[in-house]
């Protein structure tokens, strides 16, 4: 995950996290599920995906060339 709460779950605790991002023509989302099997240990499974909007792709390529 890009951002974490910097705290471990208590034993038996669980959590779900979701987020989205946007940067010029790139859009994305991410999600994660976490579980605390023992005190101060957290096991987390995450998934993320990003994609470029085709309607804005030429503008994105032009901005990369101009820099």
PDB file of N, CA and C in Angstrom:
ATOM      1  N   UNK A   1       0.837  -1.171   0.000  1.00  0.00           N
ATOM      2  CA  UNK A   1       0.000   0.000   0.000  1.00  0.00           C
ATOM      3  C   UNK A   1       0.887   1.240   0.000  1.00  0.00           C
ATOM      4  N   UNK A   2       0.394   2.273  -0.620  1.00  0.00           N
ATOM      5  CA  UNK A   2       1.144   3.523  -0.677  1.00  0.00           C
ATOM      6  C   UNK A   2       1.144   4.238   0.673  1.00  0.00           C
ATOM      7  N   UNK A   3       0.071   4.133   1.405  1.00  0.00           N
ATOM      8  CA  UNK A   3      -0.041   4.792   2.706  1.00  0.00           C
ATOM      9  C   UNK A   3      -0.419   3.739   3.734  1.00  0.00           C
ATOM     10  N   UNK A   4       0.273   3.745   4.863  1.00  0.00           N
ATOM     11  CA  UNK A   4      -0.033   2.803   5.924  1.00  0.00           C
ATOM     12  C   UNK A   4      -0.266   3.573   7.210  1.00  0.00           C
ATOM     13  N   UNK A   5      -1.067   3.021   8.090  1.00  0.00           N
ATOM     14  CA  UNK A   5      -1.366   3.701   9.354  1.00  0.00           C
ATOM     15  C   UNK A   5      -0.253   3.528  10.387  1.00  0.00           C
ATOM     16  N   UNK A   6       0.804   2.816  10.049  1.00  0.00           N
ATOM     17  CA  UNK A   6       1.998   2.633  10.886  1.00  0.00           C
ATOM     18  C   UNK A   6       1.684   2.001  12.237  1.00  0.00           C
ATOM     19  N   UNK A   7       0.630   1.255  12.315  1.00  0.00           N
ATOM     20  CA  UNK A   7       0.298   0.543  13.541  1.00  0.00           C
ATOM     21  C   UNK A   7      -0.069  -0.892  13.228  1.00  0.00           C
ATOM     22  N   UNK A   8       0.302  -1.797  14.106  1.00  0.00           N
ATOM     23  CA  UNK A   8      -0.034  -3.206  13.913  1.00  0.00           C
ATOM     24  C   UNK A   8      -1.373  -3.504  14.594  1.00  0.00           C
ATOM     25  N   UNK A   9      -2.078  -4.445  14.037  1.00  0.00           N
ATOM     26  CA  UNK A   9      -3.356  -4.855  14.614  1.00  0.00           C
ATOM     27  C   UNK A   9      -3.127  -5.675  15.877  1.00  0.00           C
ATOM     28  N   UNK A  10      -4.107  -5.644  16.754  1.00  0.00           N
ATOM     29  CA  UNK A  10      -4.074  -6.522  17.918  1.00  0.00           C
ATOM     30  C   UNK A  10      -4.369  -7.945  17.468  1.00  0.00           C
ATOM     31  N   UNK A  11      -4.059  -8.897  18.316  1.00  0.00           N
ATOM     32  CA  UNK A  11      -4.301 -10.303  17.987  1.00  0.00           C
ATOM     33  C   UNK A  11      -5.772 -10.527  17.654  1.00  0.00           C
ATOM     34  N   UNK A  12      -6.024 -11.140  16.507  1.00  0.00           N
ATOM     35  CA  UNK A  12      -7.389 -11.416  16.069  1.00  0.00           C
ATOM     36  C   UNK A  12      -8.052 -10.269  15.323  1.00  0.00           C
ATOM     37  N   UNK A  13      -7.386  -9.122  15.209  1.00  0.00           N
ATOM     38  CA  UNK A  13      -7.956  -7.965  14.527  1.00  0.00           C
ATOM     39  C   UNK A  13      -7.890  -8.106  13.013  1.00  0.00           C
ATOM     40  N   UNK A  14      -8.754  -7.400  12.331  1.00  0.00           N
ATOM     41  CA  UNK A  14      -8.786  -7.428  10.865  1.00  0.00           C
ATOM     42  C   UNK A  14      -9.108  -6.034  10.347  1.00  0.00           C
ATOM     43  N   UNK A  15      -8.703  -5.765   9.098  1.00  0.00           N
ATOM     44  CA  UNK A  15      -9.023  -4.466   8.503  1.00  0.00           C
ATOM     45  C   UNK A  15      -9.103  -4.584   6.982  1.00  0.00           C
ATOM     46  N   UNK A  16      -9.805  -3.641   6.382  1.00  0.00           N
ATOM     47  CA  UNK A  16      -9.893  -3.482   4.930  1.00  0.00           C
ATOM     48  C   UNK A  16      -9.470  -2.056   4.602  1.00  0.00           C
ATOM     49  N   UNK A  17      -8.681  -1.897   3.556  1.00  0.00           N
ATOM     50  CA  UNK A  17      -8.245  -0.570   3.124  1.00  0.00           C
ATOM     51  C   UNK A  17      -8.499  -0.433   1.630  1.00  0.00           C
ATOM     52  N   UNK A  18      -8.947   0.745   1.218  1.00  0.00           N
ATOM     53  CA  UNK A  18      -9.173   1.033  -0.191  1.00  0.00           C
ATOM     54  C   UNK A  18      -8.675   2.438  -0.499  1.00  0.00           C
ATOM     55  N   UNK A  19      -8.195   2.633  -1.711  1.00  0.00           N
ATOM     56  CA  UNK A  19      -7.747   3.956  -2.126  1.00  0.00           C
ATOM     57  C   UNK A  19      -7.791   4.092  -3.630  1.00  0.00           C
ATOM     58  N   UNK A  20      -7.733   5.335  -4.105  1.00  0.00           N
ATOM     59  CA  UNK A  20      -7.686   5.590  -5.535  1.00  0.00           C
ATOM     60  C   UNK A  20      -6.687   6.704  -5.783  1.00  0.00           C
ATOM     61  N   UNK A  21      -6.216   6.784  -7.023  1.00  0.00           N
ATOM     62  CA  UNK A  21      -5.228   7.811  -7.352  1.00  0.00           C
ATOM     63  C   UNK A  21      -5.512   8.382  -8.733  1.00  0.00           C
ATOM     64  N   UNK A  22      -4.983   9.588  -8.950  1.00  0.00           N
ATOM     65  CA  UNK A  22      -5.148  10.268 -10.230  1.00  0.00           C
ATOM     66  C   UNK A  22      -3.928  11.146 -10.450  1.00  0.00           C
ATOM     67  N   UNK A  23      -3.297  11.003 -11.625  1.00  0.00           N
ATOM     68  CA  UNK A  23      -2.125  11.800 -11.957  1.00  0.00           C
ATOM     69  C   UNK A  23      -2.131  12.007 -13.466  1.00  0.00           C
ATOM     70  N   UNK A  24      -2.424  13.208 -13.924  1.00  0.00           N
ATOM     71  CA  UNK A  24      -2.585  13.530 -15.351  1.00  0.00           C
ATOM     72  C   UNK A  24      -3.558  12.538 -15.983  1.00  0.00           C
ATOM     73  N   UNK A  25      -3.100  11.708 -16.926  1.00  0.00           N
ATOM     74  CA  UNK A  25      -3.994  10.771 -17.613  1.00  0.00           C
ATOM     75  C   UNK A  25      -3.999   9.391 -16.964  1.00  0.00           C
ATOM     76  N   UNK A  26      -3.295   9.217 -15.864  1.00  0.00           N
ATOM     77  CA  UNK A  26      -3.209   7.911 -15.200  1.00  0.00           C
ATOM     78  C   UNK A  26      -4.200   7.883 -14.041  1.00  0.00           C
ATOM     79  N   UNK A  27      -4.991   6.833 -14.001  1.00  0.00           N
ATOM     80  CA  UNK A  27      -5.951   6.612 -12.922  1.00  0.00           C
ATOM     81  C   UNK A  27      -5.655   5.256 -12.307  1.00  0.00           C
ATOM     82  N   UNK A  28      -5.983   5.065 -11.054  1.00  0.00           N
ATOM     83  CA  UNK A  28      -5.730   3.783 -10.437  1.00  0.00           C
ATOM     84  C   UNK A  28      -6.489   3.601  -9.140  1.00  0.00           C
ATOM     85  N   UNK A  29      -6.444   2.391  -8.643  1.00  0.00           N
ATOM     86  CA  UNK A  29      -7.068   2.069  -7.375  1.00  0.00           C
ATOM     87  C   UNK A  29      -6.259   0.968  -6.697  1.00  0.00           C
ATOM     88  N   UNK A  30      -6.476   0.808  -5.412  1.00  0.00           N
ATOM     89  CA  UNK A  30      -5.801  -0.231  -4.657  1.00  0.00           C
ATOM     90  C   UNK A  30      -6.685  -0.661  -3.504  1.00  0.00           C
ATOM     91  N   UNK A  31      -6.475  -1.866  -3.061  1.00  0.00           N
ATOM     92  CA  UNK A  31      -7.228  -2.398  -1.930  1.00  0.00           C
ATOM     93  C   UNK A  31      -6.368  -3.394  -1.179  1.00  0.00           C
ATOM     94  N   UNK A  32      -6.679  -3.585   0.086  1.00  0.00           N
ATOM     95  CA  UNK A  32      -5.918  -4.526   0.905  1.00  0.00           C
ATOM     96  C   UNK A  32      -6.792  -5.043   2.041  1.00  0.00           C
ATOM     97  N   UNK A  33      -6.459  -6.249   2.472  1.00  0.00           N
ATOM     98  CA  UNK A  33      -7.095  -6.855   3.635  1.00  0.00           C
ATOM     99  C   UNK A  33      -5.987  -7.293   4.572  1.00  0.00           C
ATOM    100  N   UNK A  34      -6.123  -6.992   5.847  1.00  0.00           N
ATOM    101  CA  UNK A  34      -5.105  -7.340   6.826  1.00  0.00           C
ATOM    102  C   UNK A  34      -5.680  -8.109   7.991  1.00  0.00           C
ATOM    103  N   UNK A  35      -4.823  -8.918   8.614  1.00  0.00           N
ATOM    104  CA  UNK A  35      -5.209  -9.732   9.758  1.00  0.00           C
ATOM    105  C   UNK A  35      -4.058  -9.753  10.757  1.00  0.00           C
ATOM    106  N   UNK A  36      -4.369  -9.715  12.033  1.00  0.00           N
ATOM    107  CA  UNK A  36      -3.355  -9.779  13.082  1.00  0.00           C
ATOM    108  C   UNK A  36      -3.351 -11.145  13.746  1.00  0.00           C
ATOM    109  N   UNK A  37      -2.484 -12.072  13.300  1.00  0.00           N
ATOM    110  CA  UNK A  37      -2.484 -13.428  13.887  1.00  0.00           C
ATOM    111  C   UNK A  37      -1.944 -13.467  15.314  1.00  0.00           C
ATOM    112  N   UNK A  38      -0.971 -12.591  15.632  1.00  0.00           N
ATOM    113  CA  UNK A  38      -0.430 -12.475  16.983  1.00  0.00           C
ATOM    114  C   UNK A  38      -0.177 -10.998  17.258  1.00  0.00           C
ATOM    115  N   UNK A  39       0.048 -10.644  18.503  1.00  0.00           N
ATOM    116  CA  UNK A  39       0.280  -9.242  18.853  1.00  0.00           C
ATOM    117  C   UNK A  39       1.467  -8.668  18.091  1.00  0.00           C
ATOM    118  N   UNK A  40       1.330  -7.442  17.633  1.00  0.00           N
ATOM    119  CA  UNK A  40       2.335  -6.652  16.903  1.00  0.00           C
ATOM    120  C   UNK A  40       2.785  -7.261  15.576  1.00  0.00           C
ATOM    121  N   UNK A  41       2.051  -8.225  15.040  1.00  0.00           N
ATOM    122  CA  UNK A  41       2.346  -8.782  13.711  1.00  0.00           C
ATOM    123  C   UNK A  41       1.093  -8.643  12.861  1.00  0.00           C
ATOM    124  N   UNK A  42       1.283  -8.116  11.666  1.00  0.00           N
ATOM    125  CA  UNK A  42       0.155  -7.925  10.751  1.00  0.00           C
ATOM    126  C   UNK A  42       0.475  -8.567   9.407  1.00  0.00           C
ATOM    127  N   UNK A  43      -0.439  -9.375   8.914  1.00  0.00           N
ATOM    128  CA  UNK A  43      -0.314  -9.996   7.597  1.00  0.00           C
ATOM    129  C   UNK A  43      -1.313  -9.291   6.690  1.00  0.00           C
ATOM    130  N   UNK A  44      -0.826  -8.826   5.534  1.00  0.00           N
ATOM    131  CA  UNK A  44      -1.684  -8.043   4.650  1.00  0.00           C
ATOM    132  C   UNK A  44      -1.548  -8.522   3.216  1.00  0.00           C
ATOM    133  N   UNK A  45      -2.661  -8.593   2.512  1.00  0.00           N
ATOM    134  CA  UNK A  45      -2.695  -8.951   1.101  1.00  0.00           C
ATOM    135  C   UNK A  45      -3.276  -7.759   0.354  1.00  0.00           C
ATOM    136  N   UNK A  46      -2.537  -7.266  -0.631  1.00  0.00           N
ATOM    137  CA  UNK A  46      -2.983  -6.071  -1.346  1.00  0.00           C
ATOM    138  C   UNK A  46      -3.008  -6.271  -2.848  1.00  0.00           C
ATOM    139  N   UNK A  47      -3.782  -5.431  -3.521  1.00  0.00           N
ATOM    140  CA  UNK A  47      -3.908  -5.442  -4.976  1.00  0.00           C
ATOM    141  C   UNK A  47      -4.032  -4.003  -5.449  1.00  0.00           C
ATOM    142  N   UNK A  48      -3.359  -3.680  -6.537  1.00  0.00           N
ATOM    143  CA  UNK A  48      -3.465  -2.345  -7.108  1.00  0.00           C
ATOM    144  C   UNK A  48      -3.453  -2.401  -8.623  1.00  0.00           C
ATOM    145  N   UNK A  49      -4.052  -1.416  -9.253  1.00  0.00           N
ATOM    146  CA  UNK A  49      -4.100  -1.362 -10.708  1.00  0.00           C
ATOM    147  C   UNK A  49      -4.098   0.102 -11.139  1.00  0.00           C
ATOM    148  N   UNK A  50      -3.365   0.383 -12.215  1.00  0.00           N
ATOM    149  CA  UNK A  50      -3.350   1.732 -12.790  1.00  0.00           C
ATOM    150  C   UNK A  50      -3.510   1.619 -14.299  1.00  0.00           C
ATOM    151  N   UNK A  51      -4.105   2.620 -14.902  1.00  0.00           N
ATOM    152  CA  UNK A  51      -4.322   2.616 -16.351  1.00  0.00           C
ATOM    153  C   UNK A  51      -4.263   4.041 -16.881  1.00  0.00           C
ATOM    154  N   UNK A  52      -3.984   4.168 -18.177  1.00  0.00           N
ATOM    155  CA  UNK A  52      -3.920   5.462 -18.852  1.00  0.00           C
ATOM    156  C   UNK A  52      -5.207   5.656 -19.630  1.00  0.00           C
ATOM    157  N   UNK A  53      -5.840   6.809 -19.470  1.00  0.00           N
ATOM    158  CA  UNK A  53      -7.042   7.126 -20.233  1.00  0.00           C
ATOM    159  C   UNK A  53      -6.654   7.409 -21.677  1.00  0.00           C
ATOM    160  N   UNK A  54      -7.230   6.698 -22.619  1.00  0.00           N
ATOM    161  CA  UNK A  54      -6.869   6.848 -24.028  1.00  0.00           C
ATOM    162  C   UNK A  54      -7.173   8.243 -24.556  1.00  0.00           C
ATOM    163  N   UNK A  55      -8.221   8.873 -24.048  1.00  0.00           N
ATOM    164  CA  UNK A  55      -8.577  10.209 -24.509  1.00  0.00           C
ATOM    165  C   UNK A  55      -7.534  11.252 -24.121  1.00  0.00           C
ATOM    166  N   UNK A  56      -6.729  10.989 -23.086  1.00  0.00           N
ATOM    167  CA  UNK A  56      -5.730  11.947 -22.620  1.00  0.00           C
ATOM    168  C   UNK A  56      -4.302  11.478 -22.891  1.00  0.00           C
ATOM    169  N   UNK A  57      -4.134  10.359 -23.567  1.00  0.00           N
ATOM    170  CA  UNK A  57      -2.800   9.811 -23.803  1.00  0.00           C
ATOM    171  C   UNK A  57      -1.918  10.739 -24.647  1.00  0.00           C
ATOM    172  N   UNK A  58      -2.402  11.355 -25.742  1.00  0.00           N
ATOM    173  CA  UNK A  58      -1.531  12.264 -26.503  1.00  0.00           C
ATOM    174  C   UNK A  58      -1.020  13.441 -25.661  1.00  0.00           C
ATOM    175  N   UNK A  59      -1.857  13.977 -24.790  1.00  0.00           N
ATOM    176  CA  UNK A  59      -1.432  15.084 -23.932  1.00  0.00           C
ATOM    177  C   UNK A  59      -0.361  14.626 -22.952  1.00  0.00           C
ATOM    178  N   UNK A  60      -0.489  13.412 -22.446  1.00  0.00           N
ATOM    179  CA  UNK A  60       0.503  12.870 -21.528  1.00  0.00           C
ATOM    180  C   UNK A  60       1.841  12.682 -22.237  1.00  0.00           C
ATOM    181  N   UNK A  61       1.823  12.132 -23.458  1.00  0.00           N
ATOM    182  CA  UNK A  61       3.061  11.932 -24.213  1.00  0.00           C
ATOM    183  C   UNK A  61       3.707  13.270 -24.567  1.00  0.00           C
ATOM    184  N   UNK A  62       2.919  14.273 -24.904  1.00  0.00           N
ATOM    185  CA  UNK A  62       3.456  15.589 -25.240  1.00  0.00           C
ATOM    186  C   UNK A  62       4.118  16.236 -24.025  1.00  0.00           C
ATOM    187  N   UNK A  63       3.546  16.051 -22.850  1.00  0.00           N
ATOM    188  CA  UNK A  63       4.148  16.633 -21.645  1.00  0.00           C
ATOM    189  C   UNK A  63       5.468  15.964 -21.306  1.00  0.00           C
ATOM    190  N   UNK A  64       5.627  14.684 -21.616  1.00  0.00           N
ATOM    191  CA  UNK A  64       6.895  13.985 -21.368  1.00  0.00           C
ATOM    192  C   UNK A  64       7.976  14.463 -22.337  1.00  0.00           C
ATOM    193  N   UNK A  65       7.612  14.773 -23.573  1.00  0.00           N
ATOM    194  CA  UNK A  65       8.572  15.205 -24.570  1.00  0.00           C
ATOM    195  C   UNK A  65       9.058  16.619 -24.262  1.00  0.00           C
ATOM    196  N   UNK A  66       8.176  17.468 -23.771  1.00  0.00           N
ATOM    197  CA  UNK A  66       8.534  18.866 -23.534  1.00  0.00           C
ATOM    198  C   UNK A  66       9.446  19.068 -22.327  1.00  0.00           C
ATOM    199  N   UNK A  67       9.553  18.091 -21.450  1.00  0.00           N
ATOM    200  CA  UNK A  67      10.380  18.256 -20.243  1.00  0.00           C
ATOM    201  C   UNK A  67      11.791  17.913 -20.513  1.00  0.00           C
TER     202      UNK A  67
END
